[in-house]
Amino acid sequence: EMPVLVATDRGAERIAHGNPLRAPEFILTREHRSTDAGSTSWRV
């Protein structure tokens, strides 16, 4: 039920080491762009 972010290959490497991601290192999936804008926890 938790909204999803998809990491790019570079983003996957960075977040695996605890580093924050910034665009364009992740993709906000279309189905969650508006409905889960207020969510604080996301699956990457």
PDB file of all heavy atoms in Angstrom:
ATOM      1  N   GLU A   1       0.814  -1.217   0.000  1.00  0.00           N
ATOM      2  CA  GLU A   1       0.000   0.000   0.000  1.00  0.00           C
ATOM      3  C   GLU A   1       0.848   1.269   0.000  1.00  0.00           C
ATOM      4  O   GLU A   1       0.338   2.375  -0.220  1.00  0.00           O
ATOM      5  CB  GLU A   1      -0.922   0.001   1.220  1.00  0.00           C
ATOM      6  CG  GLU A   1      -0.247   0.275   2.565  1.00  0.00           C
ATOM      7  CD  GLU A   1       0.606  -0.869   3.090  1.00  0.00           C
ATOM      8  OE1 GLU A   1       0.544  -1.977   2.515  1.00  0.00           O
ATOM      9  OE2 GLU A   1       1.332  -0.651   4.087  1.00  0.00           O
ATOM     10  N   MET A   2       2.145   1.146   0.233  1.00  0.00           N
ATOM     11  CA  MET A   2       3.030   2.312   0.301  1.00  0.00           C
ATOM     12  C   MET A   2       3.403   2.763  -1.113  1.00  0.00           C
ATOM     13  O   MET A   2       3.714   1.944  -1.968  1.00  0.00           O
ATOM     14  CB  MET A   2       4.298   1.948   1.088  1.00  0.00           C
ATOM     15  CG  MET A   2       5.182   3.131   1.425  1.00  0.00           C
ATOM     16  SD  MET A   2       6.661   2.626   2.378  1.00  0.00           S
ATOM     17  CE  MET A   2       5.905   2.173   3.943  1.00  0.00           C
ATOM     18  N   PRO A   3       3.370   4.065  -1.382  1.00  0.00           N
ATOM     19  CA  PRO A   3       3.709   4.544  -2.730  1.00  0.00           C
ATOM     20  C   PRO A   3       5.154   4.233  -3.099  1.00  0.00           C
ATOM     21  O   PRO A   3       6.007   4.007  -2.233  1.00  0.00           O
ATOM     22  CB  PRO A   3       3.458   6.047  -2.645  1.00  0.00           C
ATOM     23  CG  PRO A   3       3.507   6.372  -1.197  1.00  0.00           C
ATOM     24  CD  PRO A   3       2.993   5.169  -0.480  1.00  0.00           C
ATOM     25  N   VAL A   4       5.416   4.244  -4.414  1.00  0.00           N
ATOM     26  CA  VAL A   4       6.681   3.743  -4.953  1.00  0.00           C
ATOM     27  C   VAL A   4       7.451   4.824  -5.710  1.00  0.00           C
ATOM     28  O   VAL A   4       6.873   5.608  -6.461  1.00  0.00           O
ATOM     29  CB  VAL A   4       6.408   2.553  -5.900  1.00  0.00           C
ATOM     30  CG1 VAL A   4       7.675   2.139  -6.644  1.00  0.00           C
ATOM     31  CG2 VAL A   4       5.831   1.377  -5.130  1.00  0.00           C
ATOM     32  N   LEU A   5       8.763   4.821  -5.486  1.00  0.00           N
ATOM     33  CA  LEU A   5       9.699   5.571  -6.317  1.00  0.00           C
ATOM     34  C   LEU A   5      10.632   4.550  -6.964  1.00  0.00           C
ATOM     35  O   LEU A   5      11.032   3.579  -6.328  1.00  0.00           O
ATOM     36  CB  LEU A   5      10.540   6.541  -5.479  1.00  0.00           C
ATOM     37  CG  LEU A   5       9.796   7.656  -4.735  1.00  0.00           C
ATOM     38  CD1 LEU A   5      10.730   8.328  -3.745  1.00  0.00           C
ATOM     39  CD2 LEU A   5       9.266   8.669  -5.725  1.00  0.00           C
ATOM     40  N   VAL A   6      10.970   4.760  -8.218  1.00  0.00           N
ATOM     41  CA  VAL A   6      11.888   3.868  -8.914  1.00  0.00           C
ATOM     42  C   VAL A   6      13.219   4.596  -9.092  1.00  0.00           C
ATOM     43  O   VAL A   6      13.271   5.686  -9.673  1.00  0.00           O
ATOM     44  CB  VAL A   6      11.320   3.427 -10.275  1.00  0.00           C
ATOM     45  CG1 VAL A   6      12.333   2.549 -11.007  1.00  0.00           C
ATOM     46  CG2 VAL A   6      10.009   2.680 -10.076  1.00  0.00           C
ATOM     47  N   ALA A   7      14.275   3.985  -8.576  1.00  0.00           N
ATOM     48  CA  ALA A   7      15.598   4.591  -8.678  1.00  0.00           C
ATOM     49  C   ALA A   7      16.232   4.235 -10.023  1.00  0.00           C
ATOM     50  O   ALA A   7      16.065   3.129 -10.539  1.00  0.00           O
ATOM     51  CB  ALA A   7      16.485   4.107  -7.543  1.00  0.00           C
ATOM     52  N   THR A   8      16.963   5.169 -10.585  1.00  0.00           N
ATOM     53  CA  THR A   8      17.777   4.867 -11.764  1.00  0.00           C
ATOM     54  C   THR A   8      18.939   3.975 -11.308  1.00  0.00           C
ATOM     55  O   THR A   8      19.141   3.756 -10.102  1.00  0.00           O
ATOM     56  CB  THR A   8      18.332   6.154 -12.383  1.00  0.00           C
ATOM     57  OG1 THR A   8      19.214   6.778 -11.426  1.00  0.00           O
ATOM     58  CG2 THR A   8      17.211   7.123 -12.741  1.00  0.00           C
ATOM     59  N   ASP A   9      19.710   3.469 -12.247  1.00  0.00           N
ATOM     60  CA  ASP A   9      20.852   2.626 -11.878  1.00  0.00           C
ATOM     61  C   ASP A   9      21.807   3.394 -10.963  1.00  0.00           C
ATOM     62  O   ASP A   9      22.295   2.861  -9.959  1.00  0.00           O
ATOM     63  CB  ASP A   9      21.590   2.151 -13.138  1.00  0.00           C
ATOM     64  CG  ASP A   9      20.761   1.164 -13.950  1.00  0.00           C
ATOM     65  OD1 ASP A   9      19.789   0.612 -13.389  1.00  0.00           O
ATOM     66  OD2 ASP A   9      21.083   0.955 -15.134  1.00  0.00           O
ATOM     67  N   ARG A  10      22.058   4.643 -11.302  1.00  0.00           N
ATOM     68  CA  ARG A  10      22.939   5.479 -10.465  1.00  0.00           C
ATOM     69  C   ARG A  10      22.282   5.727  -9.106  1.00  0.00           C
ATOM     70  O   ARG A  10      22.927   5.647  -8.061  1.00  0.00           O
ATOM     71  CB  ARG A  10      23.208   6.808 -11.170  1.00  0.00           C
ATOM     72  CG  ARG A  10      23.962   7.847 -10.347  1.00  0.00           C
ATOM     73  CD  ARG A  10      25.374   7.431 -10.052  1.00  0.00           C
ATOM     74  NE  ARG A  10      26.093   8.483  -9.328  1.00  0.00           N
ATOM     75  CZ  ARG A  10      27.342   8.357  -8.894  1.00  0.00           C
ATOM     76  NH1 ARG A  10      28.017   7.234  -9.130  1.00  0.00           N
ATOM     77  NH2 ARG A  10      27.924   9.342  -8.247  1.00  0.00           N
ATOM     78  N   GLY A  11      20.967   5.988  -9.115  1.00  0.00           N
ATOM     79  CA  GLY A  11      20.261   6.224  -7.865  1.00  0.00           C
ATOM     80  C   GLY A  11      20.257   4.995  -6.972  1.00  0.00           C
ATOM     81  O   GLY A  11      20.376   5.103  -5.733  1.00  0.00           O
ATOM     82  N   ALA A  12      20.127   3.802  -7.565  1.00  0.00           N
ATOM     83  CA  ALA A  12      20.141   2.565  -6.788  1.00  0.00           C
ATOM     84  C   ALA A  12      21.475   2.386  -6.078  1.00  0.00           C
ATOM     85  O   ALA A  12      21.522   1.963  -4.912  1.00  0.00           O
ATOM     86  CB  ALA A  12      19.855   1.372  -7.695  1.00  0.00           C
ATOM     87  N   GLU A  13      22.559   2.713  -6.751  1.00  0.00           N
ATOM     88  CA  GLU A  13      23.873   2.625  -6.133  1.00  0.00           C
ATOM     89  C   GLU A  13      24.009   3.611  -4.978  1.00  0.00           C
ATOM     90  O   GLU A  13      24.528   3.273  -3.908  1.00  0.00           O
ATOM     91  CB  GLU A  13      24.960   2.910  -7.189  1.00  0.00           C
ATOM     92  CG  GLU A  13      25.042   1.893  -8.303  1.00  0.00           C
ATOM     93  CD  GLU A  13      25.652   0.578  -7.832  1.00  0.00           C
ATOM     94  OE1 GLU A  13      26.126   0.524  -6.683  1.00  0.00           O
ATOM     95  OE2 GLU A  13      25.640  -0.394  -8.610  1.00  0.00           O
ATOM     96  N   ARG A  14      23.496   4.816  -5.179  1.00  0.00           N
ATOM     97  CA  ARG A  14      23.651   5.842  -4.146  1.00  0.00           C
ATOM     98  C   ARG A  14      22.808   5.534  -2.904  1.00  0.00           C
ATOM     99  O   ARG A  14      23.295   5.643  -1.780  1.00  0.00           O
ATOM    100  CB  ARG A  14      23.271   7.215  -4.717  1.00  0.00           C
ATOM    101  CG  ARG A  14      24.328   7.799  -5.651  1.00  0.00           C
ATOM    102  CD  ARG A  14      23.935   9.177  -6.157  1.00  0.00           C
ATOM    103  NE  ARG A  14      23.549  10.083  -5.084  1.00  0.00           N
ATOM    104  CZ  ARG A  14      24.402  10.696  -4.238  1.00  0.00           C
ATOM    105  NH1 ARG A  14      25.704  10.462  -4.344  1.00  0.00           N
ATOM    106  NH2 ARG A  14      23.961  11.506  -3.308  1.00  0.00           N
ATOM    107  N   ILE A  15      21.548   5.159  -3.105  1.00  0.00           N
ATOM    108  CA  ILE A  15      20.684   4.958  -1.945  1.00  0.00           C
ATOM    109  C   ILE A  15      21.093   3.718  -1.159  1.00  0.00           C
ATOM    110  O   ILE A  15      20.868   3.624   0.049  1.00  0.00           O
ATOM    111  CB  ILE A  15      19.202   4.898  -2.355  1.00  0.00           C
ATOM    112  CG1 ILE A  15      18.319   5.291  -1.152  1.00  0.00           C
ATOM    113  CG2 ILE A  15      18.806   3.514  -2.896  1.00  0.00           C
ATOM    114  CD1 ILE A  15      16.898   5.621  -1.508  1.00  0.00           C
ATOM    115  N   ALA A  16      21.724   2.735  -1.828  1.00  0.00           N
ATOM    116  CA  ALA A  16      22.208   1.544  -1.136  1.00  0.00           C
ATOM    117  C   ALA A  16      23.273   1.882  -0.110  1.00  0.00           C
ATOM    118  O   ALA A  16      23.519   1.110   0.827  1.00  0.00           O
ATOM    119  CB  ALA A  16      22.750   0.536  -2.141  1.00  0.00           C
ATOM    120  N   HIS A  17      23.893   3.039  -0.242  1.00  0.00           N
ATOM    121  CA  HIS A  17      24.908   3.478   0.702  1.00  0.00           C
ATOM    122  C   HIS A  17      24.419   4.623   1.584  1.00  0.00           C
ATOM    123  O   HIS A  17      25.209   5.337   2.204  1.00  0.00           O
ATOM    124  CB  HIS A  17      26.173   3.885  -0.051  1.00  0.00           C
ATOM    125  CG  HIS A  17      26.852   2.734  -0.714  1.00  0.00           C
ATOM    126  ND1 HIS A  17      26.461   2.251  -1.943  1.00  0.00           N
ATOM    127  CD2 HIS A  17      27.859   1.924  -0.293  1.00  0.00           C
ATOM    128  CE1 HIS A  17      27.218   1.209  -2.263  1.00  0.00           C
ATOM    129  NE2 HIS A  17      28.063   0.991  -1.282  1.00  0.00           N
ATOM    130  N   GLY A  18      23.091   4.791   1.627  1.00  0.00           N
ATOM    131  CA  GLY A  18      22.513   5.775   2.531  1.00  0.00           C
ATOM    132  C   GLY A  18      22.524   7.190   2.030  1.00  0.00           C
ATOM    133  O   GLY A  18      22.243   8.120   2.793  1.00  0.00           O
ATOM    134  N   ASN A  19      22.829   7.371   0.748  1.00  0.00           N
ATOM    135  CA  ASN A  19      22.886   8.717   0.186  1.00  0.00           C
ATOM    136  C   ASN A  19      21.515   9.169  -0.301  1.00  0.00           C
ATOM    137  O   ASN A  19      20.744   8.376  -0.848  1.00  0.00           O
ATOM    138  CB  ASN A  19      23.859   8.753  -0.992  1.00  0.00           C
ATOM    139  CG  ASN A  19      25.274   8.441  -0.567  1.00  0.00           C
ATOM    140  OD1 ASN A  19      25.789   9.026   0.375  1.00  0.00           O
ATOM    141  ND2 ASN A  19      25.910   7.497  -1.267  1.00  0.00           N
ATOM    142  N   PRO A  20      21.182  10.436  -0.124  1.00  0.00           N
ATOM    143  CA  PRO A  20      19.911  10.948  -0.652  1.00  0.00           C
ATOM    144  C   PRO A  20      19.929  11.000  -2.174  1.00  0.00           C
ATOM    145  O   PRO A  20      20.989  11.076  -2.796  1.00  0.00           O
ATOM    146  CB  PRO A  20      19.819  12.352  -0.047  1.00  0.00           C
ATOM    147  CG  PRO A  20      21.237  12.744   0.218  1.00  0.00           C
ATOM    148  CD  PRO A  20      21.952  11.476   0.582  1.00  0.00           C
ATOM    149  N   LEU A  21      18.736  10.953  -2.747  1.00  0.00           N
ATOM    150  CA  LEU A  21      18.591  11.029  -4.196  1.00  0.00           C
ATOM    151  C   LEU A  21      17.942  12.344  -4.578  1.00  0.00           C
ATOM    152  O   LEU A  21      17.075  12.855  -3.878  1.00  0.00           O
ATOM    153  CB  LEU A  21      17.731   9.872  -4.716  1.00  0.00           C
ATOM    154  CG  LEU A  21      18.142   8.451  -4.372  1.00  0.00           C
ATOM    155  CD1 LEU A  21      17.231   7.464  -5.078  1.00  0.00           C
ATOM    156  CD2 LEU A  21      19.599   8.202  -4.716  1.00  0.00           C
ATOM    157  N   ARG A  22      18.361  12.856  -5.714  1.00  0.00           N
ATOM    158  CA  ARG A  22      17.733  14.037  -6.293  1.00  0.00           C
ATOM    159  C   ARG A  22      17.460  13.747  -7.761  1.00  0.00           C
ATOM    160  O   ARG A  22      18.128  12.916  -8.373  1.00  0.00           O
ATOM    161  CB  ARG A  22      18.650  15.265  -6.146  1.00  0.00           C
ATOM    162  CG  ARG A  22      18.835  15.713  -4.689  1.00  0.00           C
ATOM    163  CD  ARG A  22      19.796  16.887  -4.587  1.00  0.00           C
ATOM    164  NE  ARG A  22      19.865  17.411  -3.231  1.00  0.00           N
ATOM    165  CZ  ARG A  22      20.605  16.895  -2.256  1.00  0.00           C
ATOM    166  NH1 ARG A  22      21.343  15.814  -2.483  1.00  0.00           N
ATOM    167  NH2 ARG A  22      20.606  17.423  -1.051  1.00  0.00           N
ATOM    168  N   ALA A  23      16.477  14.443  -8.313  1.00  0.00           N
ATOM    169  CA  ALA A  23      16.201  14.281  -9.739  1.00  0.00           C
ATOM    170  C   ALA A  23      17.482  14.587 -10.521  1.00  0.00           C
ATOM    171  O   ALA A  23      18.206  15.534 -10.161  1.00  0.00           O
ATOM    172  CB  ALA A  23      15.077  15.221 -10.155  1.00  0.00           C
ATOM    173  N   PRO A  24      17.815  13.771 -11.514  1.00  0.00           N
ATOM    174  CA  PRO A  24      17.024  12.693 -12.145  1.00  0.00           C
ATOM    175  C   PRO A  24      17.418  11.296 -11.673  1.00  0.00           C
ATOM    176  O   PRO A  24      17.425  10.353 -12.473  1.00  0.00           O
ATOM    177  CB  PRO A  24      17.356  12.889 -13.618  1.00  0.00           C
ATOM    178  CG  PRO A  24      18.820  13.296 -13.591  1.00  0.00           C
ATOM    179  CD  PRO A  24      19.014  14.106 -12.331  1.00  0.00           C
ATOM    180  N   GLU A  25      17.749  11.114 -10.382  1.00  0.00           N
ATOM    181  CA  GLU A  25      18.195   9.811  -9.891  1.00  0.00           C
ATOM    182  C   GLU A  25      17.024   8.914  -9.464  1.00  0.00           C
ATOM    183  O   GLU A  25      17.230   7.783  -9.043  1.00  0.00           O
ATOM    184  CB  GLU A  25      19.155   9.991  -8.711  1.00  0.00           C
ATOM    185  CG  GLU A  25      20.460  10.665  -9.119  1.00  0.00           C
ATOM    186  CD  GLU A  25      21.315  11.061  -7.928  1.00  0.00           C
ATOM    187  OE1 GLU A  25      20.750  11.322  -6.842  1.00  0.00           O
ATOM    188  OE2 GLU A  25      22.553  11.106  -8.090  1.00  0.00           O
ATOM    189  N   PHE A  26      15.815   9.429  -9.572  1.00  0.00           N
ATOM    190  CA  PHE A  26      14.641   8.611  -9.275  1.00  0.00           C
ATOM    191  C   PHE A  26      13.494   9.042 -10.179  1.00  0.00           C
ATOM    192  O   PHE A  26      13.494  10.151 -10.736  1.00  0.00           O
ATOM    193  CB  PHE A  26      14.225   8.732  -7.808  1.00  0.00           C
ATOM    194  CG  PHE A  26      13.753  10.101  -7.405  1.00  0.00           C
ATOM    195  CD1 PHE A  26      12.409  10.454  -7.517  1.00  0.00           C
ATOM    196  CD2 PHE A  26      14.644  11.057  -6.923  1.00  0.00           C
ATOM    197  CE1 PHE A  26      11.969  11.717  -7.150  1.00  0.00           C
ATOM    198  CE2 PHE A  26      14.221  12.319  -6.558  1.00  0.00           C
ATOM    199  CZ  PHE A  26      12.878  12.641  -6.662  1.00  0.00           C
ATOM    200  N   ILE A  27      12.525   8.144 -10.304  1.00  0.00           N
ATOM    201  CA  ILE A  27      11.349   8.404 -11.143  1.00  0.00           C
ATOM    202  C   ILE A  27      10.113   8.278 -10.253  1.00  0.00           C
ATOM    203  O   ILE A  27       9.948   7.280  -9.548  1.00  0.00           O
ATOM    204  CB  ILE A  27      11.247   7.381 -12.294  1.00  0.00           C
ATOM    205  CG1 ILE A  27      12.517   7.440 -13.148  1.00  0.00           C
ATOM    206  CG2 ILE A  27      10.000   7.623 -13.134  1.00  0.00           C
ATOM    207  CD1 ILE A  27      12.657   6.250 -14.083  1.00  0.00           C
ATOM    208  N   LEU A  28       9.273   9.288 -10.274  1.00  0.00           N
ATOM    209  CA  LEU A  28       8.012   9.258  -9.540  1.00  0.00           C
ATOM    210  C   LEU A  28       6.989   8.558 -10.419  1.00  0.00           C
ATOM    211  O   LEU A  28       6.643   9.052 -11.485  1.00  0.00           O
ATOM    212  CB  LEU A  28       7.568  10.687  -9.219  1.00  0.00           C
ATOM    213  CG  LEU A  28       6.403  10.863  -8.252  1.00  0.00           C
ATOM    214  CD1 LEU A  28       6.731  10.271  -6.893  1.00  0.00           C
ATOM    215  CD2 LEU A  28       6.061  12.341  -8.114  1.00  0.00           C
ATOM    216  N   THR A  29       6.534   7.384 -10.000  1.00  0.00           N
ATOM    217  CA  THR A  29       5.625   6.605 -10.841  1.00  0.00           C
ATOM    218  C   THR A  29       4.319   7.341 -11.060  1.00  0.00           C
ATOM    219  O   THR A  29       3.809   8.030 -10.179  1.00  0.00           O
ATOM    220  CB  THR A  29       5.349   5.234 -10.212  1.00  0.00           C
ATOM    221  OG1 THR A  29       4.815   5.420  -8.908  1.00  0.00           O
ATOM    222  CG2 THR A  29       6.616   4.419 -10.111  1.00  0.00           C
ATOM    223  N   ARG A  30       3.770   7.185 -12.244  1.00  0.00           N
ATOM    224  CA  ARG A  30       2.607   7.969 -12.678  1.00  0.00           C
ATOM    225  C   ARG A  30       1.423   7.828 -11.726  1.00  0.00           C
ATOM    226  O   ARG A  30       0.757   8.793 -11.402  1.00  0.00           O
ATOM    227  CB  ARG A  30       2.208   7.545 -14.091  1.00  0.00           C
ATOM    228  CG  ARG A  30       1.017   8.319 -14.654  1.00  0.00           C
ATOM    229  CD  ARG A  30       0.721   7.860 -16.076  1.00  0.00           C
ATOM    230  NE  ARG A  30       1.888   8.044 -16.943  1.00  0.00           N
ATOM    231  CZ  ARG A  30       1.961   7.581 -18.187  1.00  0.00           C
ATOM    232  NH1 ARG A  30       0.954   6.899 -18.699  1.00  0.00           N
ATOM    233  NH2 ARG A  30       3.040   7.800 -18.918  1.00  0.00           N
ATOM    234  N   GLU A  31       1.157   6.594 -11.253  1.00  0.00           N
ATOM    235  CA  GLU A  31      -0.043   6.379 -10.443  1.00  0.00           C
ATOM    236  C   GLU A  31       0.039   7.034  -9.068  1.00  0.00           C
ATOM    237  O   GLU A  31      -0.939   7.155  -8.368  1.00  0.00           O
ATOM    238  CB  GLU A  31      -0.293   4.872 -10.274  1.00  0.00           C
ATOM    239  CG  GLU A  31       0.814   4.094  -9.576  1.00  0.00           C
ATOM    240  CD  GLU A  31       1.825   3.535 -10.570  1.00  0.00           C
ATOM    241  OE1 GLU A  31       1.975   4.142 -11.652  1.00  0.00           O
ATOM    242  OE2 GLU A  31       2.449   2.505 -10.258  1.00  0.00           O
ATOM    243  N   HIS A  32       1.256   7.488  -8.671  1.00  0.00           N
ATOM    244  CA  HIS A  32       1.400   8.084  -7.347  1.00  0.00           C
ATOM    245  C   HIS A  32       1.706   9.586  -7.384  1.00  0.00           C
ATOM    246  O   HIS A  32       1.890  10.198  -6.353  1.00  0.00           O
ATOM    247  CB  HIS A  32       2.515   7.378  -6.573  1.00  0.00           C
ATOM    248  CG  HIS A  32       2.215   5.944  -6.262  1.00  0.00           C
ATOM    249  ND1 HIS A  32       1.078   5.542  -5.628  1.00  0.00           N
ATOM    250  CD2 HIS A  32       2.917   4.814  -6.520  1.00  0.00           C
ATOM    251  CE1 HIS A  32       1.085   4.230  -5.490  1.00  0.00           C
ATOM    252  NE2 HIS A  32       2.188   3.759  -6.021  1.00  0.00           N
ATOM    253  N   ARG A  33       1.755  10.172  -8.555  1.00  0.00           N
ATOM    254  CA  ARG A  33       2.195  11.559  -8.628  1.00  0.00           C
ATOM    255  C   ARG A  33       1.287  12.526  -7.895  1.00  0.00           C
ATOM    256  O   ARG A  33       1.741  13.488  -7.303  1.00  0.00           O
ATOM    257  CB  ARG A  33       2.334  11.985 -10.099  1.00  0.00           C
ATOM    258  CG  ARG A  33       3.581  11.426 -10.734  1.00  0.00           C
ATOM    259  CD  ARG A  33       3.716  11.801 -12.184  1.00  0.00           C
ATOM    260  NE  ARG A  33       4.923  11.225 -12.762  1.00  0.00           N
ATOM    261  CZ  ARG A  33       5.210  11.244 -14.048  1.00  0.00           C
ATOM    262  NH1 ARG A  33       4.373  11.816 -14.903  1.00  0.00           N
ATOM    263  NH2 ARG A  33       6.321  10.705 -14.487  1.00  0.00           N
ATOM    264  N   SER A  34      -0.026  12.257  -7.903  1.00  0.00           N
ATOM    265  CA  SER A  34      -0.945  13.186  -7.237  1.00  0.00           C
ATOM    266  C   SER A  34      -1.541  12.594  -5.973  1.00  0.00           C
ATOM    267  O   SER A  34      -1.641  13.257  -4.955  1.00  0.00           O
ATOM    268  CB  SER A  34      -2.069  13.585  -8.200  1.00  0.00           C
ATOM    269  OG  SER A  34      -2.774  12.435  -8.634  1.00  0.00           O
ATOM    270  N   THR A  35      -1.893  11.299  -6.020  1.00  0.00           N
ATOM    271  CA  THR A  35      -2.643  10.707  -4.909  1.00  0.00           C
ATOM    272  C   THR A  35      -1.821  10.577  -3.638  1.00  0.00           C
ATOM    273  O   THR A  35      -2.361  10.619  -2.545  1.00  0.00           O
ATOM    274  CB  THR A  35      -3.174   9.319  -5.299  1.00  0.00           C
ATOM    275  OG1 THR A  35      -2.068   8.495  -5.702  1.00  0.00           O
ATOM    276  CG2 THR A  35      -4.159   9.419  -6.448  1.00  0.00           C
ATOM    277  N   ASP A  36      -0.491  10.415  -3.750  1.00  0.00           N
ATOM    278  CA  ASP A  36       0.328  10.189  -2.564  1.00  0.00           C
ATOM    279  C   ASP A  36       1.324  11.316  -2.328  1.00  0.00           C
ATOM    280  O   ASP A  36       2.371  11.118  -1.710  1.00  0.00           O
ATOM    281  CB  ASP A  36       1.072   8.857  -2.684  1.00  0.00           C
ATOM    282  CG  ASP A  36       0.122   7.668  -2.702  1.00  0.00           C
ATOM    283  OD1 ASP A  36      -0.585   7.483  -1.710  1.00  0.00           O
ATOM    284  OD2 ASP A  36       0.085   6.960  -3.715  1.00  0.00           O
ATOM    285  N   ALA A  37       0.991  12.500  -2.800  1.00  0.00           N
ATOM    286  CA  ALA A  37       1.924  13.618  -2.667  1.00  0.00           C
ATOM    287  C   ALA A  37       2.230  13.936  -1.210  1.00  0.00           C
ATOM    288  O   ALA A  37       3.297  14.433  -0.881  1.00  0.00           O
ATOM    289  CB  ALA A  37       1.355  14.854  -3.367  1.00  0.00           C
ATOM    290  N   GLY A  38       1.287  13.642  -0.294  1.00  0.00           N
ATOM    291  CA  GLY A  38       1.505  13.952   1.113  1.00  0.00           C
ATOM    292  C   GLY A  38       2.121  12.831   1.912  1.00  0.00           C
ATOM    293  O   GLY A  38       2.347  12.978   3.112  1.00  0.00           O
ATOM    294  N   SER A  39       2.419  11.687   1.286  1.00  0.00           N
ATOM    295  CA  SER A  39       2.975  10.559   2.013  1.00  0.00           C
ATOM    296  C   SER A  39       4.404  10.852   2.450  1.00  0.00           C
ATOM    297  O   SER A  39       5.197  11.430   1.706  1.00  0.00           O
ATOM    298  CB  SER A  39       2.948   9.302   1.137  1.00  0.00           C
ATOM    299  OG  SER A  39       3.494   8.210   1.826  1.00  0.00           O
ATOM    300  N   THR A  40       4.756  10.437   3.670  1.00  0.00           N
ATOM    301  CA  THR A  40       6.123  10.655   4.157  1.00  0.00           C
ATOM    302  C   THR A  40       7.003   9.432   3.965  1.00  0.00           C
ATOM    303  O   THR A  40       8.222   9.546   4.020  1.00  0.00           O
ATOM    304  CB  THR A  40       6.113  11.044   5.648  1.00  0.00           C
ATOM    305  OG1 THR A  40       5.471  10.011   6.396  1.00  0.00           O
ATOM    306  CG2 THR A  40       5.385  12.352   5.861  1.00  0.00           C
ATOM    307  N   SER A  41       6.420   8.246   3.786  1.00  0.00           N
ATOM    308  CA  SER A  41       7.206   7.028   3.584  1.00  0.00           C
ATOM    309  C   SER A  41       6.926   6.454   2.196  1.00  0.00           C
ATOM    310  O   SER A  41       5.772   6.292   1.805  1.00  0.00           O
ATOM    311  CB  SER A  41       6.867   5.982   4.651  1.00  0.00           C
ATOM    312  OG  SER A  41       7.296   6.406   5.926  1.00  0.00           O
ATOM    313  N   TRP A  42       8.000   6.159   1.488  1.00  0.00           N
ATOM    314  CA  TRP A  42       7.912   5.622   0.139  1.00  0.00           C
ATOM    315  C   TRP A  42       8.817   4.396   0.021  1.00  0.00           C
ATOM    316  O   TRP A  42       9.904   4.355   0.602  1.00  0.00           O
ATOM    317  CB  TRP A  42       8.372   6.655  -0.896  1.00  0.00           C
ATOM    318  CG  TRP A  42       7.494   7.868  -0.983  1.00  0.00           C
ATOM    319  CD1 TRP A  42       7.309   8.827  -0.034  1.00  0.00           C
ATOM    320  CD2 TRP A  42       6.694   8.256  -2.096  1.00  0.00           C
ATOM    321  NE1 TRP A  42       6.437   9.790  -0.480  1.00  0.00           N
ATOM    322  CE2 TRP A  42       6.044   9.464  -1.753  1.00  0.00           C
ATOM    323  CE3 TRP A  42       6.470   7.709  -3.358  1.00  0.00           C
ATOM    324  CZ2 TRP A  42       5.187  10.126  -2.608  1.00  0.00           C
ATOM    325  CZ3 TRP A  42       5.605   8.366  -4.226  1.00  0.00           C
ATOM    326  CH2 TRP A  42       4.973   9.562  -3.857  1.00  0.00           C
ATOM    327  N   ARG A  43       8.373   3.417  -0.763  1.00  0.00           N
ATOM    328  CA  ARG A  43       9.251   2.302  -1.125  1.00  0.00           C
ATOM    329  C   ARG A  43      10.100   2.737  -2.308  1.00  0.00           C
ATOM    330  O   ARG A  43       9.579   3.280  -3.285  1.00  0.00           O
ATOM    331  CB  ARG A  43       8.434   1.070  -1.509  1.00  0.00           C
ATOM    332  CG  ARG A  43       7.768   0.376  -0.334  1.00  0.00           C
ATOM    333  CD  ARG A  43       7.052  -0.883  -0.799  1.00  0.00           C
ATOM    334  NE  ARG A  43       5.995  -0.576  -1.756  1.00  0.00           N
ATOM    335  CZ  ARG A  43       5.575  -1.407  -2.714  1.00  0.00           C
ATOM    336  NH1 ARG A  43       6.144  -2.591  -2.861  1.00  0.00           N
ATOM    337  NH2 ARG A  43       4.604  -1.062  -3.533  1.00  0.00           N
ATOM    338  N   VAL A  44      11.391   2.496  -2.225  1.00  0.00           N
ATOM    339  CA  VAL A  44      12.292   2.782  -3.338  1.00  0.00           C
ATOM    340  C   VAL A  44      12.676   1.456  -3.972  1.00  0.00           C
ATOM    341  O   VAL A  44      13.269   0.590  -3.320  1.00  0.00           O
ATOM    342  CB  VAL A  44      13.546   3.542  -2.878  1.00  0.00           C
ATOM    343  CG1 VAL A  44      14.446   3.841  -4.074  1.00  0.00           C
ATOM    344  CG2 VAL A  44      13.160   4.832  -2.165  1.00  0.00           C
TER     345      VAL A  44
END
